Amino acid sequence: MFDSKIKSPEADRLFEAILSLETTEECYRFFEDICTIREIRDIAQRLEVAAMLSGGETVAAIASKTGASTTTVSRVNRCLRYGTNGYKIALERTSNKN
């Protein structure tokens, strides 16, 4: 079982709420209520960066194409290499949908 650093009853409730959403529209509604537009865009950008890194693109190319800082790209790359495989799981499960 995965031992998360953020595990709490509040985090459990948040993730259960996210898992209860059934459509992309419901996700837009929920995340626009719970996050700032900037937070949503930053998270979406990080996922795009992860996809591009997984596809073999360079840090410089990704920064240029996405507008992400090289620091952000490097941070995502570190998560891909040494993190909890969260990006990998999400990318594998969504790769055939895009």
PDB file of N, CA and C in Angstrom:
ATOM      1  N   MET A   1       0.839  -1.185   0.000  1.00  0.00           N
ATOM      2  CA  MET A   1       0.000   0.000   0.000  1.00  0.00           C
ATOM      3  C   MET A   1       0.880   1.242   0.000  1.00  0.00           C
ATOM      4  N   PHE A   2       0.441   2.255  -0.700  1.00  0.00           N
ATOM      5  CA  PHE A   2       1.189   3.504  -0.830  1.00  0.00           C
ATOM      6  C   PHE A   2       1.047   4.342   0.432  1.00  0.00           C
ATOM      7  N   ASP A   3       2.170   4.818   0.962  1.00  0.00           N
ATOM      8  CA  ASP A   3       2.187   5.651   2.168  1.00  0.00           C
ATOM      9  C   ASP A   3       2.419   7.104   1.755  1.00  0.00           C
ATOM     10  N   SER A   4       1.349   7.865   1.608  1.00  0.00           N
ATOM     11  CA  SER A   4       1.423   9.245   1.130  1.00  0.00           C
ATOM     12  C   SER A   4       1.833  10.214   2.229  1.00  0.00           C
ATOM     13  N   LYS A   5       2.594  11.233   1.833  1.00  0.00           N
ATOM     14  CA  LYS A   5       2.996  12.299   2.752  1.00  0.00           C
ATOM     15  C   LYS A   5       1.841  13.243   3.066  1.00  0.00           C
ATOM     16  N   ILE A   6       0.800  13.228   2.249  1.00  0.00           N
ATOM     17  CA  ILE A   6      -0.323  14.160   2.436  1.00  0.00           C
ATOM     18  C   ILE A   6      -1.578  13.475   2.964  1.00  0.00           C
ATOM     19  N   LYS A   7      -1.454  12.226   3.340  1.00  0.00           N
ATOM     20  CA  LYS A   7      -2.614  11.445   3.812  1.00  0.00           C
ATOM     21  C   LYS A   7      -3.280  12.109   5.009  1.00  0.00           C
ATOM     22  N   SER A   8      -4.581  12.327   4.881  1.00  0.00           N
ATOM     23  CA  SER A   8      -5.384  12.891   5.972  1.00  0.00           C
ATOM     24  C   SER A   8      -6.850  12.646   5.642  1.00  0.00           C
ATOM     25  N   PRO A   9      -7.732  12.760   6.628  1.00  0.00           N
ATOM     26  CA  PRO A   9      -9.161  12.622   6.332  1.00  0.00           C
ATOM     27  C   PRO A   9      -9.639  13.669   5.321  1.00  0.00           C
ATOM     28  N   GLU A  10      -9.077  14.874   5.396  1.00  0.00           N
ATOM     29  CA  GLU A  10      -9.478  15.937   4.463  1.00  0.00           C
ATOM     30  C   GLU A  10      -9.037  15.607   3.043  1.00  0.00           C
ATOM     31  N   ALA A  11      -7.810  15.101   2.900  1.00  0.00           N
ATOM     32  CA  ALA A  11      -7.331  14.717   1.571  1.00  0.00           C
ATOM     33  C   ALA A  11      -8.141  13.540   1.035  1.00  0.00           C
ATOM     34  N   ASP A  12      -8.463  12.580   1.908  1.00  0.00           N
ATOM     35  CA  ASP A  12      -9.312  11.458   1.487  1.00  0.00           C
ATOM     36  C   ASP A  12     -10.640  11.969   0.939  1.00  0.00           C
ATOM     37  N   ARG A  13     -11.247  12.903   1.650  1.00  0.00           N
ATOM     38  CA  ARG A  13     -12.535  13.445   1.208  1.00  0.00           C
ATOM     39  C   ARG A  13     -12.393  14.162  -0.137  1.00  0.00           C
ATOM     40  N   LEU A  14     -11.321  14.930  -0.301  1.00  0.00           N
ATOM     41  CA  LEU A  14     -11.073  15.615  -1.572  1.00  0.00           C
ATOM     42  C   LEU A  14     -10.964  14.608  -2.707  1.00  0.00           C
ATOM     43  N   PHE A  15     -10.140  13.588  -2.536  1.00  0.00           N
ATOM     44  CA  PHE A  15      -9.934  12.620  -3.610  1.00  0.00           C
ATOM     45  C   PHE A  15     -11.188  11.789  -3.880  1.00  0.00           C
ATOM     46  N   GLU A  16     -11.947  11.492  -2.848  1.00  0.00           N
ATOM     47  CA  GLU A  16     -13.226  10.799  -3.050  1.00  0.00           C
ATOM     48  C   GLU A  16     -14.186  11.680  -3.847  1.00  0.00           C
ATOM     49  N   ALA A  17     -14.175  12.980  -3.568  1.00  0.00           N
ATOM     50  CA  ALA A  17     -15.019  13.909  -4.326  1.00  0.00           C
ATOM     51  C   ALA A  17     -14.600  13.938  -5.789  1.00  0.00           C
ATOM     52  N   ILE A  18     -13.293  13.993  -6.043  1.00  0.00           N
ATOM     53  CA  ILE A  18     -12.797  14.007  -7.425  1.00  0.00           C
ATOM     54  C   ILE A  18     -13.189  12.712  -8.134  1.00  0.00           C
ATOM     55  N   LEU A  19     -13.007  11.590  -7.464  1.00  0.00           N
ATOM     56  CA  LEU A  19     -13.352  10.306  -8.075  1.00  0.00           C
ATOM     57  C   LEU A  19     -14.847  10.146  -8.326  1.00  0.00           C
ATOM     58  N   SER A  20     -15.670  10.930  -7.635  1.00  0.00           N
ATOM     59  CA  SER A  20     -17.120  10.848  -7.834  1.00  0.00           C
ATOM     60  C   SER A  20     -17.588  11.593  -9.081  1.00  0.00           C
ATOM     61  N   LEU A  21     -16.751  12.461  -9.618  1.00  0.00           N
ATOM     62  CA  LEU A  21     -17.136  13.237 -10.799  1.00  0.00           C
ATOM     63  C   LEU A  21     -17.199  12.317 -12.009  1.00  0.00           C
ATOM     64  N   GLU A  22     -18.227  12.496 -12.831  1.00  0.00           N
ATOM     65  CA  GLU A  22     -18.468  11.549 -13.918  1.00  0.00           C
ATOM     66  C   GLU A  22     -18.169  12.089 -15.308  1.00  0.00           C
ATOM     67  N   THR A  23     -18.101  13.391 -15.479  1.00  0.00           N
ATOM     68  CA  THR A  23     -17.867  13.948 -16.807  1.00  0.00           C
ATOM     69  C   THR A  23     -16.807  15.044 -16.740  1.00  0.00           C
ATOM     70  N   THR A  24     -16.266  15.375 -17.902  1.00  0.00           N
ATOM     71  CA  THR A  24     -15.305  16.472 -17.970  1.00  0.00           C
ATOM     72  C   THR A  24     -15.967  17.769 -17.529  1.00  0.00           C
ATOM     73  N   GLU A  25     -17.221  17.976 -17.901  1.00  0.00           N
ATOM     74  CA  GLU A  25     -17.928  19.187 -17.481  1.00  0.00           C
ATOM     75  C   GLU A  25     -18.022  19.266 -15.957  1.00  0.00           C
ATOM     76  N   GLU A  26     -18.335  18.142 -15.314  1.00  0.00           N
ATOM     77  CA  GLU A  26     -18.386  18.137 -13.850  1.00  0.00           C
ATOM     78  C   GLU A  26     -17.016  18.484 -13.264  1.00  0.00           C
ATOM     79  N   CYS A  27     -15.960  17.994 -13.894  1.00  0.00           N
ATOM     80  CA  CYS A  27     -14.606  18.329 -13.435  1.00  0.00           C
ATOM     81  C   CYS A  27     -14.337  19.821 -13.573  1.00  0.00           C
ATOM     82  N   TYR A  28     -14.698  20.394 -14.717  1.00  0.00           N
ATOM     83  CA  TYR A  28     -14.525  21.845 -14.890  1.00  0.00           C
ATOM     84  C   TYR A  28     -15.266  22.596 -13.793  1.00  0.00           C
ATOM     85  N   ARG A  29     -16.498  22.218 -13.535  1.00  0.00           N
ATOM     86  CA  ARG A  29     -17.302  22.906 -12.516  1.00  0.00           C
ATOM     87  C   ARG A  29     -16.654  22.802 -11.132  1.00  0.00           C
ATOM     88  N   PHE A  30     -16.248  21.591 -10.767  1.00  0.00           N
ATOM     89  CA  PHE A  30     -15.660  21.369  -9.447  1.00  0.00           C
ATOM     90  C   PHE A  30     -14.343  22.128  -9.297  1.00  0.00           C
ATOM     91  N   PHE A  31     -13.453  21.960 -10.279  1.00  0.00           N
ATOM     92  CA  PHE A  31     -12.137  22.582 -10.154  1.00  0.00           C
ATOM     93  C   PHE A  31     -12.196  24.101 -10.250  1.00  0.00           C
ATOM     94  N   GLU A  32     -13.121  24.651 -11.022  1.00  0.00           N
ATOM     95  CA  GLU A  32     -13.264  26.109 -11.054  1.00  0.00           C
ATOM     96  C   GLU A  32     -13.781  26.643  -9.729  1.00  0.00           C
ATOM     97  N   ASP A  33     -14.530  25.830  -8.993  1.00  0.00           N
ATOM     98  CA  ASP A  33     -14.989  26.241  -7.661  1.00  0.00           C
ATOM     99  C   ASP A  33     -13.890  26.100  -6.611  1.00  0.00           C
ATOM    100  N   ILE A  34     -13.099  25.047  -6.709  1.00  0.00           N
ATOM    101  CA  ILE A  34     -12.160  24.722  -5.632  1.00  0.00           C
ATOM    102  C   ILE A  34     -10.758  25.312  -5.843  1.00  0.00           C
ATOM    103  N   CYS A  35     -10.400  25.613  -7.076  1.00  0.00           N
ATOM    104  CA  CYS A  35      -9.068  26.141  -7.397  1.00  0.00           C
ATOM    105  C   CYS A  35      -9.185  27.490  -8.091  1.00  0.00           C
ATOM    106  N   THR A  36      -8.082  28.222  -8.093  1.00  0.00           N
ATOM    107  CA  THR A  36      -8.038  29.424  -8.918  1.00  0.00           C
ATOM    108  C   THR A  36      -7.778  28.998 -10.362  1.00  0.00           C
ATOM    109  N   ILE A  37      -8.105  29.880 -11.286  1.00  0.00           N
ATOM    110  CA  ILE A  37      -7.828  29.598 -12.700  1.00  0.00           C
ATOM    111  C   ILE A  37      -6.337  29.321 -12.877  1.00  0.00           C
ATOM    112  N   ARG A  38      -5.502  30.108 -12.219  1.00  0.00           N
ATOM    113  CA  ARG A  38      -4.045  29.948 -12.315  1.00  0.00           C
ATOM    114  C   ARG A  38      -3.609  28.558 -11.825  1.00  0.00           C
ATOM    115  N   GLU A  39      -4.175  28.107 -10.716  1.00  0.00           N
ATOM    116  CA  GLU A  39      -3.817  26.785 -10.191  1.00  0.00           C
ATOM    117  C   GLU A  39      -4.182  25.681 -11.182  1.00  0.00           C
ATOM    118  N   ILE A  40      -5.350  25.788 -11.777  1.00  0.00           N
ATOM    119  CA  ILE A  40      -5.778  24.789 -12.765  1.00  0.00           C
ATOM    120  C   ILE A  40      -4.839  24.804 -13.963  1.00  0.00           C
ATOM    121  N   ARG A  41      -4.518  26.004 -14.450  1.00  0.00           N
ATOM    122  CA  ARG A  41      -3.614  26.113 -15.606  1.00  0.00           C
ATOM    123  C   ARG A  41      -2.231  25.567 -15.276  1.00  0.00           C
ATOM    124  N   ASP A  42      -1.735  25.841 -14.072  1.00  0.00           N
ATOM    125  CA  ASP A  42      -0.418  25.335 -13.672  1.00  0.00           C
ATOM    126  C   ASP A  42      -0.404  23.810 -13.609  1.00  0.00           C
ATOM    127  N   ILE A  43      -1.442  23.224 -13.036  1.00  0.00           N
ATOM    128  CA  ILE A  43      -1.525  21.763 -12.950  1.00  0.00           C
ATOM    129  C   ILE A  43      -1.615  21.156 -14.351  1.00  0.00           C
ATOM    130  N   ALA A  44      -2.445  21.755 -15.205  1.00  0.00           N
ATOM    131  CA  ALA A  44      -2.593  21.260 -16.577  1.00  0.00           C
ATOM    132  C   ALA A  44      -1.266  21.366 -17.328  1.00  0.00           C
ATOM    133  N   GLN A  45      -0.546  22.467 -17.100  1.00  0.00           N
ATOM    134  CA  GLN A  45       0.747  22.656 -17.754  1.00  0.00           C
ATOM    135  C   GLN A  45       1.739  21.583 -17.296  1.00  0.00           C
ATOM    136  N   ARG A  46       1.753  21.278 -16.011  1.00  0.00           N
ATOM    137  CA  ARG A  46       2.665  20.247 -15.497  1.00  0.00           C
ATOM    138  C   ARG A  46       2.375  18.882 -16.118  1.00  0.00           C
ATOM    139  N   LEU A  47       1.103  18.570 -16.295  1.00  0.00           N
ATOM    140  CA  LEU A  47       0.759  17.295 -16.927  1.00  0.00           C
ATOM    141  C   LEU A  47       1.221  17.279 -18.382  1.00  0.00           C
ATOM    142  N   GLU A  48       1.062  18.399 -19.076  1.00  0.00           N
ATOM    143  CA  GLU A  48       1.536  18.496 -20.461  1.00  0.00           C
ATOM    144  C   GLU A  48       3.053  18.353 -20.513  1.00  0.00           C
ATOM    145  N   VAL A  49       3.746  18.998 -19.592  1.00  0.00           N
ATOM    146  CA  VAL A  49       5.205  18.881 -19.511  1.00  0.00           C
ATOM    147  C   VAL A  49       5.596  17.419 -19.285  1.00  0.00           C
ATOM    148  N   ALA A  50       4.908  16.737 -18.385  1.00  0.00           N
ATOM    149  CA  ALA A  50       5.199  15.322 -18.118  1.00  0.00           C
ATOM    150  C   ALA A  50       5.011  14.480 -19.375  1.00  0.00           C
ATOM    151  N   ALA A  51       3.949  14.753 -20.118  1.00  0.00           N
ATOM    152  CA  ALA A  51       3.705  14.006 -21.358  1.00  0.00           C
ATOM    153  C   ALA A  51       4.827  14.246 -22.364  1.00  0.00           C
ATOM    154  N   MET A  52       5.261  15.491 -22.470  1.00  0.00           N
ATOM    155  CA  MET A  52       6.325  15.820 -23.423  1.00  0.00           C
ATOM    156  C   MET A  52       7.658  15.208 -22.997  1.00  0.00           C
ATOM    157  N   LEU A  53       7.962  15.243 -21.702  1.00  0.00           N
ATOM    158  CA  LEU A  53       9.186  14.601 -21.206  1.00  0.00           C
ATOM    159  C   LEU A  53       9.139  13.104 -21.470  1.00  0.00           C
ATOM    160  N   SER A  54       7.993  12.494 -21.228  1.00  0.00           N
ATOM    161  CA  SER A  54       7.830  11.058 -21.473  1.00  0.00           C
ATOM    162  C   SER A  54       7.989  10.727 -22.948  1.00  0.00           C
ATOM    163  N   GLY A  55       7.674  11.701 -23.795  1.00  0.00           N
ATOM    164  CA  GLY A  55       7.828  11.524 -25.233  1.00  0.00           C
ATOM    165  C   GLY A  55       9.229  11.818 -25.735  1.00  0.00           C
ATOM    166  N   GLY A  56      10.141  12.171 -24.816  1.00  0.00           N
ATOM    167  CA  GLY A  56      11.538  12.359 -25.191  1.00  0.00           C
ATOM    168  C   GLY A  56      11.943  13.771 -25.564  1.00  0.00           C
ATOM    169  N   GLU A  57      11.057  14.743 -25.377  1.00  0.00           N
ATOM    170  CA  GLU A  57      11.424  16.120 -25.717  1.00  0.00           C
ATOM    171  C   GLU A  57      12.393  16.690 -24.689  1.00  0.00           C
ATOM    172  N   THR A  58      13.191  17.658 -25.120  1.00  0.00           N
ATOM    173  CA  THR A  58      14.194  18.255 -24.240  1.00  0.00           C
ATOM    174  C   THR A  58      13.574  19.323 -23.346  1.00  0.00           C
ATOM    175  N   VAL A  59      14.273  19.622 -22.257  1.00  0.00           N
ATOM    176  CA  VAL A  59      13.820  20.651 -21.324  1.00  0.00           C
ATOM    177  C   VAL A  59      13.645  21.979 -22.046  1.00  0.00           C
ATOM    178  N   ALA A  60      14.624  22.360 -22.854  1.00  0.00           N
ATOM    179  CA  ALA A  60      14.559  23.641 -23.564  1.00  0.00           C
ATOM    180  C   ALA A  60      13.383  23.682 -24.535  1.00  0.00           C
ATOM    181  N   ALA A  61      13.164  22.606 -25.267  1.00  0.00           N
ATOM    182  CA  ALA A  61      12.056  22.564 -26.225  1.00  0.00           C
ATOM    183  C   ALA A  61      10.718  22.645 -25.504  1.00  0.00           C
ATOM    184  N   ILE A  62      10.605  21.951 -24.388  1.00  0.00           N
ATOM    185  CA  ILE A  62       9.354  21.957 -23.627  1.00  0.00           C
ATOM    186  C   ILE A  62       9.085  23.337 -23.058  1.00  0.00           C
ATOM    187  N   ALA A  63      10.112  23.961 -22.494  1.00  0.00           N
ATOM    188  CA  ALA A  63       9.951  25.309 -21.947  1.00  0.00           C
ATOM    189  C   ALA A  63       9.508  26.270 -23.037  1.00  0.00           C
ATOM    190  N   SER A  64      10.096  26.152 -24.205  1.00  0.00           N
ATOM    191  CA  SER A  64       9.739  27.028 -25.323  1.00  0.00           C
ATOM    192  C   SER A  64       8.308  26.792 -25.798  1.00  0.00           C
ATOM    193  N   LYS A  65       7.914  25.537 -25.927  1.00  0.00           N
ATOM    194  CA  LYS A  65       6.584  25.204 -26.449  1.00  0.00           C
ATOM    195  C   LYS A  65       5.455  25.477 -25.457  1.00  0.00           C
ATOM    196  N   THR A  66       5.714  25.267 -24.166  1.00  0.00           N
ATOM    197  CA  THR A  66       4.637  25.377 -23.176  1.00  0.00           C
ATOM    198  C   THR A  66       4.633  26.686 -22.404  1.00  0.00           C
ATOM    199  N   GLY A  67       5.764  27.377 -22.401  1.00  0.00           N
ATOM    200  CA  GLY A  67       5.878  28.577 -21.578  1.00  0.00           C
ATOM    201  C   GLY A  67       6.228  28.266 -20.133  1.00  0.00           C
ATOM    202  N   ALA A  68       6.399  26.995 -19.811  1.00  0.00           N
ATOM    203  CA  ALA A  68       6.803  26.601 -18.460  1.00  0.00           C
ATOM    204  C   ALA A  68       8.257  26.995 -18.243  1.00  0.00           C
ATOM    205  N   SER A  69       8.585  27.362 -17.027  1.00  0.00           N
ATOM    206  CA  SER A  69       9.978  27.684 -16.718  1.00  0.00           C
ATOM    207  C   SER A  69      10.805  26.404 -16.749  1.00  0.00           C
ATOM    208  N   THR A  70      12.100  26.562 -16.973  1.00  0.00           N
ATOM    209  CA  THR A  70      12.963  25.383 -16.951  1.00  0.00           C
ATOM    210  C   THR A  70      12.971  24.761 -15.553  1.00  0.00           C
ATOM    211  N   THR A  71      12.746  25.573 -14.529  1.00  0.00           N
ATOM    212  CA  THR A  71      12.643  25.047 -13.161  1.00  0.00           C
ATOM    213  C   THR A  71      11.444  24.113 -13.039  1.00  0.00           C
ATOM    214  N   THR A  72      10.302  24.529 -13.590  1.00  0.00           N
ATOM    215  CA  THR A  72       9.104  23.682 -13.558  1.00  0.00           C
ATOM    216  C   THR A  72       9.332  22.396 -14.340  1.00  0.00           C
ATOM    217  N   VAL A  73       9.928  22.516 -15.517  1.00  0.00           N
ATOM    218  CA  VAL A  73      10.192  21.329 -16.332  1.00  0.00           C
ATOM    219  C   VAL A  73      11.120  20.374 -15.580  1.00  0.00           C
ATOM    220  N   SER A  74      12.148  20.921 -14.954  1.00  0.00           N
ATOM    221  CA  SER A  74      13.085  20.090 -14.195  1.00  0.00           C
ATOM    222  C   SER A  74      12.411  19.430 -12.997  1.00  0.00           C
ATOM    223  N   ARG A  75      11.519  20.157 -12.341  1.00  0.00           N
ATOM    224  CA  ARG A  75      10.796  19.604 -11.186  1.00  0.00           C
ATOM    225  C   ARG A  75       9.909  18.434 -11.626  1.00  0.00           C
ATOM    226  N   VAL A  76       9.204  18.614 -12.738  1.00  0.00           N
ATOM    227  CA  VAL A  76       8.357  17.528 -13.257  1.00  0.00           C
ATOM    228  C   VAL A  76       9.227  16.336 -13.651  1.00  0.00           C
ATOM    229  N   ASN A  77      10.363  16.617 -14.268  1.00  0.00           N
ATOM    230  CA  ASN A  77      11.276  15.545 -14.666  1.00  0.00           C
ATOM    231  C   ASN A  77      11.762  14.760 -13.447  1.00  0.00           C
ATOM    232  N   ARG A  78      12.051  15.463 -12.362  1.00  0.00           N
ATOM    233  CA  ARG A  78      12.476  14.805 -11.125  1.00  0.00           C
ATOM    234  C   ARG A  78      11.356  13.895 -10.598  1.00  0.00           C
ATOM    235  N   CYS A  79      10.116  14.382 -10.677  1.00  0.00           N
ATOM    236  CA  CYS A  79       8.975  13.552 -10.246  1.00  0.00           C
ATOM    237  C   CYS A  79       8.833  12.311 -11.117  1.00  0.00           C
ATOM    238  N   LEU A  80       9.034  12.474 -12.412  1.00  0.00           N
ATOM    239  CA  LEU A  80       8.946  11.325 -13.316  1.00  0.00           C
ATOM    240  C   LEU A  80      10.018  10.288 -12.994  1.00  0.00           C
ATOM    241  N   ARG A  81      11.203  10.755 -12.634  1.00  0.00           N
ATOM    242  CA  ARG A  81      12.320   9.843 -12.372  1.00  0.00           C
ATOM    243  C   ARG A  81      12.295   9.252 -10.966  1.00  0.00           C
ATOM    244  N   TYR A  82      11.946  10.085  -9.977  1.00  0.00           N
ATOM    245  CA  TYR A  82      12.112   9.661  -8.584  1.00  0.00           C
ATOM    246  C   TYR A  82      10.839   9.772  -7.746  1.00  0.00           C
ATOM    247  N   GLY A  83       9.730  10.105  -8.371  1.00  0.00           N
ATOM    248  CA  GLY A  83       8.490  10.326  -7.634  1.00  0.00           C
ATOM    249  C   GLY A  83       7.711   9.053  -7.372  1.00  0.00           C
ATOM    250  N   THR A  84       6.418   9.205  -7.216  1.00  0.00           N
ATOM    251  CA  THR A  84       5.542   8.098  -6.817  1.00  0.00           C
ATOM    252  C   THR A  84       4.809   7.444  -7.993  1.00  0.00           C
ATOM    253  N   ASN A  85       5.203   7.781  -9.214  1.00  0.00           N
ATOM    254  CA  ASN A  85       4.614   7.245 -10.451  1.00  0.00           C
ATOM    255  C   ASN A  85       3.210   7.766 -10.736  1.00  0.00           C
ATOM    256  N   GLY A  86       2.800   8.823 -10.057  1.00  0.00           N
ATOM    257  CA  GLY A  86       1.480   9.398 -10.304  1.00  0.00           C
ATOM    258  C   GLY A  86       1.315   9.907 -11.726  1.00  0.00           C
ATOM    259  N   TYR A  87       2.327  10.638 -12.215  1.00  0.00           N
ATOM    260  CA  TYR A  87       2.268  11.107 -13.603  1.00  0.00           C
ATOM    261  C   TYR A  87       2.179   9.920 -14.552  1.00  0.00           C
ATOM    262  N   LYS A  88       3.012   8.918 -14.330  1.00  0.00           N
ATOM    263  CA  LYS A  88       3.048   7.747 -15.211  1.00  0.00           C
ATOM    264  C   LYS A  88       1.687   7.068 -15.284  1.00  0.00           C
ATOM    265  N   ILE A  89       1.062   6.873 -14.139  1.00  0.00           N
ATOM    266  CA  ILE A  89      -0.257   6.233 -14.105  1.00  0.00           C
ATOM    267  C   ILE A  89      -1.265   7.048 -14.912  1.00  0.00           C
ATOM    268  N   ALA A  90      -1.312   8.348 -14.655  1.00  0.00           N
ATOM    269  CA  ALA A  90      -2.280   9.207 -15.346  1.00  0.00           C
ATOM    270  C   ALA A  90      -2.013   9.259 -16.843  1.00  0.00           C
ATOM    271  N   LEU A  91      -0.748   9.372 -17.227  1.00  0.00           N
ATOM    272  CA  LEU A  91      -0.420   9.445 -18.653  1.00  0.00           C
ATOM    273  C   LEU A  91      -0.747   8.140 -19.367  1.00  0.00           C
ATOM    274  N   GLU A  92      -0.454   7.018 -18.739  1.00  0.00           N
ATOM    275  CA  GLU A  92      -0.770   5.727 -19.363  1.00  0.00           C
ATOM    276  C   GLU A  92      -2.273   5.547 -19.544  1.00  0.00           C
ATOM    277  N   ARG A  93      -3.038   5.976 -18.562  1.00  0.00           N
ATOM    278  CA  ARG A  93      -4.493   5.783 -18.624  1.00  0.00           C
ATOM    279  C   ARG A  93      -5.187   6.756 -19.561  1.00  0.00           C
ATOM    280  N   THR A  94      -4.543   7.857 -19.878  1.00  0.00           N
ATOM    281  CA  THR A  94      -5.172   8.847 -20.758  1.00  0.00           C
ATOM    282  C   THR A  94      -4.531   8.916 -22.133  1.00  0.00           C
ATOM    283  N   SER A  95      -3.441   8.201 -22.362  1.00  0.00           N
ATOM    284  CA  SER A  95      -2.713   8.331 -23.627  1.00  0.00           C
ATOM    285  C   SER A  95      -3.542   7.930 -24.834  1.00  0.00           C
ATOM    286  N   ASN A  96      -4.414   6.969 -24.708  1.00  0.00           N
ATOM    287  CA  ASN A  96      -5.222   6.544 -25.855  1.00  0.00           C
ATOM    288  C   ASN A  96      -6.464   7.399 -26.048  1.00  0.00           C
ATOM    289  N   LYS A  97      -6.694   8.357 -25.147  1.00  0.00           N
ATOM    290  CA  LYS A  97      -7.860   9.230 -25.264  1.00  0.00           C
ATOM    291  C   LYS A  97      -7.544  10.521 -25.998  1.00  0.00           C
ATOM    292  N   ASN A  98      -6.252  10.818 -26.191  1.00  0.00           N
ATOM    293  CA  ASN A  98      -5.865  12.098 -26.809  1.00  0.00           C
ATOM    294  C   ASN A  98      -5.412  11.924 -28.225  1.00  0.00           C
TER     295      ASN A  98
END
